[in-house]
Protein backbone atom coordinates (compact mmCIF):
# COMPACT_ATOMS: atom_id res chain seq x y z
CA UNK A 1 0.26 0.36 0.03
CA UNK A 2 1.62 3.50 -1.09
CA UNK A 3 2.49 5.92 1.71
CA UNK A 4 -0.35 8.39 2.02
CA UNK A 5 0.17 12.13 2.83
CA UNK A 6 -0.88 13.59 6.50
CA UNK A 7 -4.47 15.21 5.87
CA UNK A 8 -3.93 19.06 4.16
CA UNK A 9 -0.82 18.46 2.84
CA UNK A 10 0.26 17.30 -0.80
CA UNK A 11 3.79 15.87 -0.29
CA UNK A 12 4.44 13.42 2.81
CA UNK A 13 6.79 15.14 5.07
CA UNK A 14 8.26 18.53 4.72
CA UNK A 15 11.40 19.39 3.05
CA UNK A 16 14.35 18.89 5.30
CA UNK A 17 15.55 22.22 6.72
CA UNK A 18 19.57 23.20 5.43
CA UNK A 19 21.98 24.75 7.45
CA UNK A 20 23.58 27.97 7.03
CA UNK A 21 27.26 27.85 6.93
CA UNK A 22 30.43 27.45 4.68
CA UNK A 23 29.61 25.29 1.40
CA UNK A 24 25.60 26.43 1.62
CA UNK A 25 24.66 29.70 -0.20
CA UNK A 26 21.68 30.53 1.55
CA UNK A 27 18.69 32.20 0.25
CA UNK A 28 18.58 33.18 -3.24
CA UNK A 29 18.37 36.99 -3.08
CA UNK A 30 17.25 37.67 -6.54
CA UNK A 31 14.83 35.93 -8.45
CA UNK A 32 17.15 35.25 -11.25
CA UNK A 33 20.42 35.90 -10.78
CA UNK A 34 20.68 36.11 -14.30
CA UNK A 35 19.29 38.56 -15.28
CA UNK A 36 20.28 41.08 -12.29
CA UNK A 37 24.19 40.12 -13.47
CA UNK A 38 22.92 41.14 -17.50
CA UNK A 39 21.52 44.20 -15.73
CA UNK A 40 24.93 44.94 -13.90
CA UNK A 41 26.64 44.37 -16.85
CA UNK A 42 24.56 47.11 -18.61
CA UNK A 43 24.96 49.41 -16.61
CA UNK A 44 28.59 48.58 -15.72
CA UNK A 45 29.47 49.49 -19.51
CA UNK A 46 27.55 52.16 -19.29
CA UNK A 47 29.84 53.80 -16.27
CA UNK A 48 32.65 52.41 -17.80
CA UNK A 49 32.50 54.36 -21.00
CA UNK A 50 31.10 57.81 -19.36
CA UNK A 51 32.87 57.43 -15.77
CA UNK A 52 35.42 55.57 -14.73
CA UNK A 53 35.43 56.25 -11.07
CA UNK A 54 31.92 55.25 -10.65
CA UNK A 55 32.52 51.95 -12.36
CA UNK A 56 35.62 51.29 -10.40
CA UNK A 57 32.74 51.73 -7.16
CA UNK A 58 29.71 49.59 -8.92
CA UNK A 59 32.73 46.73 -8.61
CA UNK A 60 34.57 47.36 -5.32
CA UNK A 61 30.11 47.40 -3.94
CA UNK A 62 29.68 43.70 -5.20
CA UNK A 63 31.72 41.66 -2.59
CA UNK A 64 30.42 38.17 -3.19
CA UNK A 65 31.99 36.09 -5.70
CA UNK A 66 28.54 34.77 -7.35
CA UNK A 67 27.62 38.36 -7.77
CA UNK A 68 31.19 38.97 -9.52
CA UNK A 69 30.43 36.19 -11.87
CA UNK A 70 26.94 36.63 -12.69
CA UNK A 71 28.05 40.41 -13.76
CA UNK A 72 30.61 38.54 -15.68
CA UNK A 73 28.31 36.06 -17.79
CA UNK A 74 26.22 39.24 -18.25
CA UNK A 75 29.58 40.93 -20.12
CA UNK A 76 30.34 37.75 -21.95
CA UNK A 77 26.94 37.13 -23.26
CA UNK A 78 27.49 41.12 -24.55
CA UNK A 79 31.20 40.30 -25.90
CA UNK A 80 30.33 37.50 -27.84
CA UNK A 81 26.79 38.89 -29.30
CA UNK A 82 28.45 41.96 -30.26
CA UNK A 83 31.61 40.42 -31.93
CA UNK A 84 29.42 38.26 -33.71
CA UNK A 85 28.59 41.34 -36.40
CA UNK A 86 32.43 42.18 -36.41
CA UNK A 87 34.29 41.43 -40.20
CA UNK A 88 35.54 37.90 -40.14
CA UNK A 89 39.38 38.77 -38.74
CA UNK A 90 38.59 41.34 -36.07
CA UNK A 91 35.70 38.20 -34.71
CA UNK A 92 38.38 35.71 -34.91
CA UNK A 93 40.48 38.35 -32.57
CA UNK A 94 37.54 39.15 -30.46
CA UNK A 95 37.47 35.22 -30.09
CA UNK A 96 40.86 34.27 -29.28
CA UNK A 97 40.24 37.80 -26.80
CA UNK A 98 37.52 35.88 -25.24
CA UNK A 99 39.52 32.99 -24.57
CA UNK A 100 42.14 34.59 -22.61
CA UNK A 101 39.68 36.76 -20.37
CA UNK A 102 38.05 33.14 -19.65
CA UNK A 103 41.66 31.94 -18.75
CA UNK A 104 42.08 35.22 -16.51
CA UNK A 105 38.96 34.33 -14.78
CA UNK A 106 39.59 30.90 -14.01
CA UNK A 107 43.08 31.54 -12.56
CA UNK A 108 41.43 34.33 -10.09
CA UNK A 109 37.82 32.02 -9.90
CA UNK A 110 37.90 32.28 -5.80
CA UNK A 111 39.58 35.90 -5.57
CA UNK A 112 36.87 38.93 -5.47
CA UNK A 113 40.18 41.47 -6.59
CA UNK A 114 41.09 38.87 -9.24
CA UNK A 115 37.50 38.75 -10.50
CA UNK A 116 36.96 42.92 -10.50
CA UNK A 117 40.48 42.80 -12.86
CA UNK A 118 38.53 40.30 -15.32
CA UNK A 119 35.63 42.30 -15.25
CA UNK A 120 37.35 45.39 -15.76
CA UNK A 121 38.91 43.61 -18.96
CA UNK A 122 36.03 42.05 -20.50
CA UNK A 123 34.18 45.22 -20.05
CA UNK A 124 37.10 47.23 -21.75
CA UNK A 125 37.34 44.44 -24.34
CA UNK A 126 33.39 45.12 -25.12
CA UNK A 127 34.23 48.62 -25.69
CA UNK A 128 36.83 47.86 -28.21
CA UNK A 129 34.28 45.38 -30.29
CA UNK A 130 31.88 48.45 -30.50
CA UNK A 131 34.66 50.75 -31.43
CA UNK A 132 35.75 48.16 -34.43
CA UNK A 133 32.21 48.05 -35.21
CA UNK A 134 31.78 51.45 -35.80
CA UNK A 135 34.82 52.23 -37.56
CA UNK A 136 33.75 48.68 -39.80
CA UNK A 137 30.44 50.44 -40.65
CA UNK A 138 32.35 53.46 -41.85
CA UNK A 139 34.21 51.44 -43.85
CA UNK A 140 30.69 49.78 -45.58
CA UNK A 141 29.17 52.70 -45.73
CA UNK A 142 32.84 54.46 -48.05
CA UNK A 143 32.20 51.41 -49.86
CA UNK A 144 28.56 51.35 -50.82
CA UNK A 145 29.03 55.32 -51.80
CA UNK A 146 32.33 54.23 -54.00
CA UNK A 147 30.47 51.67 -55.64
CA UNK A 148 27.18 54.12 -56.17
CA UNK A 149 29.34 56.58 -57.48
CA UNK A 150 31.58 53.83 -59.81
CA UNK A 151 28.25 52.33 -60.92
CA UNK A 152 26.77 55.77 -61.96
CA UNK A 153 30.01 56.64 -64.00
CA UNK A 154 29.64 53.15 -66.01
CA UNK A 155 26.41 54.01 -66.40
CA UNK A 156 26.68 57.71 -68.17
CA UNK A 157 29.86 56.35 -69.91
CA UNK A 158 32.73 58.40 -68.13
CA UNK A 159 33.93 55.09 -66.37
CA UNK A 160 34.88 53.61 -69.78
CA UNK A 161 36.90 56.88 -71.07
CA UNK A 162 38.35 56.97 -67.34
CA UNK A 163 39.87 52.66 -67.87
CA UNK A 164 40.83 53.31 -71.71
CA UNK A 165 42.75 56.76 -70.19
CA UNK A 166 44.54 55.06 -66.98
CA UNK A 167 44.84 51.14 -68.77
CA UNK A 168 46.72 52.35 -72.22
């Protein structure tokens, strides 16, 4: 015969309480730590781009390794996402830098100060990716303008005369 829970309960026995102490995280402070890390990553990047001192204060305010790691996860997601829009050579370089940042993170895994160094470098990496993307966008725009001018010249016949003069 199957064991039945006491009247008014859905489960046979209450959950066993876990002790507070080393090795146990206790209560979760955020309903979604990953979302909180992404929010902090966005805030950190804004500060890093506009107010370096405030960015440092944000990092210094995070004392738990767990909070630092979730901020890093948010930064990693942003870096990998934004690197996908780079031209192939810059994307390969960004991927290599991400691997090196991962090694730095692993080496500093339990040291909050070391993780802060990793986070600052990860943030600076994202700013570099954004700067590279802006340059690539300008080059693409210039290439498109040149191509349009060249097509217009060929359509009007001036390109043929120009080519004839330079190729003889």
